[in-house]
Amino acid sequence: MSAKIKIATTSLAGCFGCHMSFLDIDERITELAEVVEFDRSPLTDIEHCGPCDIGLIEGGVCNSENVHVLREFRKNCKTLVAVGACAINGGLPALRNFVSVEDCLLEAYRDGIGIDNPQIPSDPELPLLLDKVHPIHEIVKVDYFMPGCPPSADVFWTFLSALIAGREPKLPYELVHYD
């Protein structure tokens, strides 16, 4: 038996919906497990990505920790796939790009409705916010883009099946239209 293809996944600034959609491949995950080995992912709880063939990454880049995780992930993945709208164009987290970080923090932690004990967090353990939310291709080289918010389980299955088989992923219209 040949060596299994190694897949890793991670999430940056987003809602984790792409991972949930990936898990929606349901029983097909057992078929996938026959030909792949999972590295960093919600299935393994491995914290740091080791060398992998395919890396799936969701979420935009909004803070210094996201930048670090993304660069480590890129360094360890032969093929990097930006998964979902947040990774591809910043998605909903990028809506904060229309206001300053200061105004965003003031609204969220001091001036917003229902705030008790208003104070902006300043713990040195918290990652520093970037001036804007970036799609991942602005930080590292991306090999493929898997569209959707989130991509459906069938998109994941079709896309990964092609990559694993060594084919160029092509998504039919019925999997990517939103009308």
Protein backbone atom coordinates (compact mmCIF):
# COMPACT_ATOMS: atom_id res chain seq x y z
CA MET A 1 0.00 0.00 0.00
CA SER A 2 1.32 3.43 -0.90
CA ALA A 3 1.78 6.17 1.69
CA LYS A 4 -1.35 8.08 2.56
CA ILE A 5 -1.76 11.70 1.53
CA LYS A 6 -1.46 13.95 4.57
CA ILE A 7 -4.12 16.64 5.05
CA ALA A 8 -4.16 19.43 7.64
CA THR A 9 -6.83 22.02 8.36
CA THR A 10 -6.96 25.16 10.45
CA SER A 11 -9.15 28.18 11.03
CA LEU A 12 -8.22 31.84 11.40
CA ALA A 13 -10.71 34.74 11.78
CA GLY A 14 -14.06 33.26 10.85
CA CYS A 15 -16.95 31.28 12.23
CA PHE A 16 -15.62 27.71 11.78
CA GLY A 17 -18.50 27.10 9.34
CA CYS A 18 -16.18 25.76 6.64
CA HIS A 19 -14.91 23.08 9.02
CA MET A 20 -18.49 22.18 9.91
CA SER A 21 -19.32 21.89 6.22
CA PHE A 22 -16.24 19.70 5.68
CA LEU A 23 -17.47 17.40 8.45
CA ASP A 24 -20.85 17.31 6.66
CA ILE A 25 -19.32 14.90 4.13
CA ASP A 26 -20.71 12.46 6.72
CA GLU A 27 -19.94 8.78 6.05
CA ARG A 28 -17.71 9.73 3.13
CA ILE A 29 -15.14 10.68 5.76
CA THR A 30 -14.44 6.97 6.26
CA GLU A 31 -13.70 6.68 2.51
CA LEU A 32 -11.43 9.68 2.83
CA ALA A 33 -9.67 8.20 5.87
CA GLU A 34 -8.74 5.15 3.79
CA VAL A 35 -6.53 7.27 1.53
CA VAL A 36 -5.51 10.22 3.74
CA GLU A 37 -3.97 10.81 7.12
CA PHE A 38 -5.12 13.84 9.08
CA ASP A 39 -2.52 16.07 10.68
CA ARG A 40 -3.69 19.28 12.37
CA SER A 41 -7.48 19.25 12.29
CA PRO A 42 -10.52 19.13 14.57
CA LEU A 43 -10.39 15.34 14.16
CA THR A 44 -6.90 15.01 15.64
CA ASP A 45 -6.51 17.98 17.98
CA ILE A 46 -2.87 18.33 16.82
CA GLU A 47 -1.84 21.88 17.65
CA HIS A 48 1.01 22.47 15.18
CA CYS A 49 1.00 21.40 11.55
CA GLY A 50 3.70 18.99 10.45
CA PRO A 51 4.71 18.41 6.82
CA CYS A 52 1.54 17.86 4.78
CA ASP A 53 0.48 17.37 1.19
CA ILE A 54 -2.71 19.44 1.39
CA GLY A 55 -3.57 22.27 3.77
CA LEU A 56 -7.13 23.58 4.01
CA ILE A 57 -7.40 26.94 5.73
CA GLU A 58 -10.51 28.97 6.49
CA GLY A 59 -10.85 32.47 7.88
CA GLY A 60 -9.32 35.83 7.23
CA VAL A 61 -6.18 37.24 8.81
CA CYS A 62 -7.03 39.79 11.50
CA ASN A 63 -4.27 39.58 14.13
CA SER A 64 -0.62 38.71 14.73
CA GLU A 65 -1.44 35.15 15.81
CA ASN A 66 -3.35 34.55 12.54
CA VAL A 67 -0.26 35.70 10.60
CA HIS A 68 1.97 33.32 12.57
CA VAL A 69 -0.39 30.33 12.15
CA LEU A 70 -0.83 31.06 8.42
CA ARG A 71 2.90 31.31 7.74
CA GLU A 72 3.60 28.11 9.69
CA PHE A 73 0.81 26.37 7.82
CA ARG A 74 2.07 27.56 4.41
CA LYS A 75 5.61 26.45 5.25
CA ASN A 76 4.38 22.92 6.06
CA CYS A 77 1.81 22.37 3.27
CA LYS A 78 2.83 21.48 -0.28
CA THR A 79 -0.58 22.61 -1.55
CA LEU A 80 -2.50 25.35 0.25
CA VAL A 81 -6.23 25.79 -0.32
CA ALA A 82 -8.05 28.96 0.77
CA VAL A 83 -11.43 27.66 1.89
CA GLY A 84 -14.49 29.91 1.93
CA ALA A 85 -15.20 33.60 1.59
CA CYS A 86 -13.24 34.71 4.67
CA ALA A 87 -10.00 33.10 3.47
CA ILE A 88 -10.58 34.21 -0.13
CA ASN A 89 -11.64 37.84 0.38
CA GLY A 90 -11.86 38.51 4.14
CA GLY A 91 -15.57 37.66 4.31
CA LEU A 92 -17.69 39.02 7.14
CA PRO A 93 -14.72 39.73 9.44
CA ALA A 94 -13.46 42.20 6.79
CA LEU A 95 -16.50 44.40 7.43
CA ARG A 96 -14.39 45.92 10.20
CA ASN A 97 -12.08 47.27 7.48
CA PHE A 98 -14.45 50.22 7.07
CA VAL A 99 -13.74 51.55 10.58
CA SER A 100 -10.52 52.11 12.48
CA VAL A 101 -9.31 49.47 14.92
CA GLU A 102 -9.67 52.06 17.70
CA ASP A 103 -13.33 52.77 16.82
CA CYS A 104 -14.01 49.04 16.56
CA LEU A 105 -12.55 48.38 20.02
CA LEU A 106 -14.37 51.34 21.57
CA GLU A 107 -17.71 50.13 20.21
CA ALA A 108 -17.12 46.52 21.22
CA TYR A 109 -15.72 47.06 24.70
CA ARG A 110 -16.62 50.56 25.94
CA ASP A 111 -19.47 52.25 24.10
CA GLY A 112 -21.64 49.37 22.89
CA ILE A 113 -25.11 48.61 24.18
CA GLY A 114 -25.20 46.50 27.34
CA ILE A 115 -21.54 46.91 28.27
CA ASP A 116 -20.85 46.37 31.98
CA ASN A 117 -17.44 47.40 33.34
CA PRO A 118 -16.29 49.04 30.09
CA GLN A 119 -12.61 48.50 29.36
CA ILE A 120 -10.61 47.58 26.29
CA PRO A 121 -8.70 44.34 26.94
CA SER A 122 -4.97 44.91 27.27
CA ASP A 123 -3.64 41.53 28.37
CA PRO A 124 -0.20 40.95 26.80
CA GLU A 125 -1.33 37.38 25.97
CA LEU A 126 -3.88 38.74 23.45
CA PRO A 127 -2.66 38.86 19.84
CA LEU A 128 -2.28 42.34 18.35
CA LEU A 129 -5.01 43.32 15.90
CA LEU A 130 -3.96 44.21 12.38
CA ASP A 131 -5.18 47.49 10.87
CA LYS A 132 -7.43 45.47 8.55
CA VAL A 133 -8.60 41.93 7.94
CA HIS A 134 -6.68 40.37 5.04
CA PRO A 135 -7.56 37.48 2.74
CA ILE A 136 -4.85 34.86 3.10
CA HIS A 137 -3.40 35.39 -0.40
CA GLU A 138 -2.22 38.84 0.72
CA ILE A 139 0.05 37.16 3.28
CA VAL A 140 1.16 33.87 1.66
CA LYS A 141 1.01 32.12 -1.71
CA VAL A 142 -2.25 30.21 -2.20
CA ASP A 143 -2.47 27.33 -4.66
CA TYR A 144 -6.26 26.90 -4.88
CA PHE A 145 -9.42 28.71 -3.83
CA MET A 146 -12.53 26.79 -2.73
CA PRO A 147 -15.46 29.24 -2.88
CA GLY A 148 -18.53 29.39 -0.68
CA CYS A 149 -19.76 30.65 2.65
CA PRO A 150 -19.29 27.92 3.52
CA PRO A 151 -18.47 25.59 0.61
CA SER A 152 -20.93 22.70 0.69
CA ALA A 153 -19.91 19.19 1.71
CA ASP A 154 -20.20 18.20 -1.96
CA VAL A 155 -17.76 20.97 -2.92
CA PHE A 156 -15.28 19.64 -0.36
CA TRP A 157 -15.74 16.09 -1.60
CA THR A 158 -15.41 16.98 -5.29
CA PHE A 159 -12.44 19.27 -4.71
CA LEU A 160 -10.52 16.89 -2.44
CA SER A 161 -11.28 13.85 -4.59
CA ALA A 162 -9.65 15.59 -7.55
CA LEU A 163 -6.60 16.78 -5.59
CA ILE A 164 -6.05 13.35 -4.02
CA ALA A 165 -6.29 11.71 -7.45
CA GLY A 166 -3.69 14.17 -8.78
CA ARG A 167 -6.17 16.01 -10.98
CA GLU A 168 -6.79 19.73 -11.25
CA PRO A 169 -9.91 20.49 -9.15
CA LYS A 170 -12.84 21.66 -11.26
CA LEU A 171 -16.15 22.47 -9.65
CA PRO A 172 -19.24 22.13 -11.82
CA TYR A 173 -21.59 25.09 -12.01
CA GLU A 174 -24.26 23.40 -9.90
CA LEU A 175 -21.83 23.27 -6.94
CA VAL A 176 -20.78 26.93 -7.05
CA HIS A 177 -23.79 28.92 -8.26
CA TYR A 178 -25.59 31.01 -5.68
CA ASP A 179 -28.79 32.01 -7.50
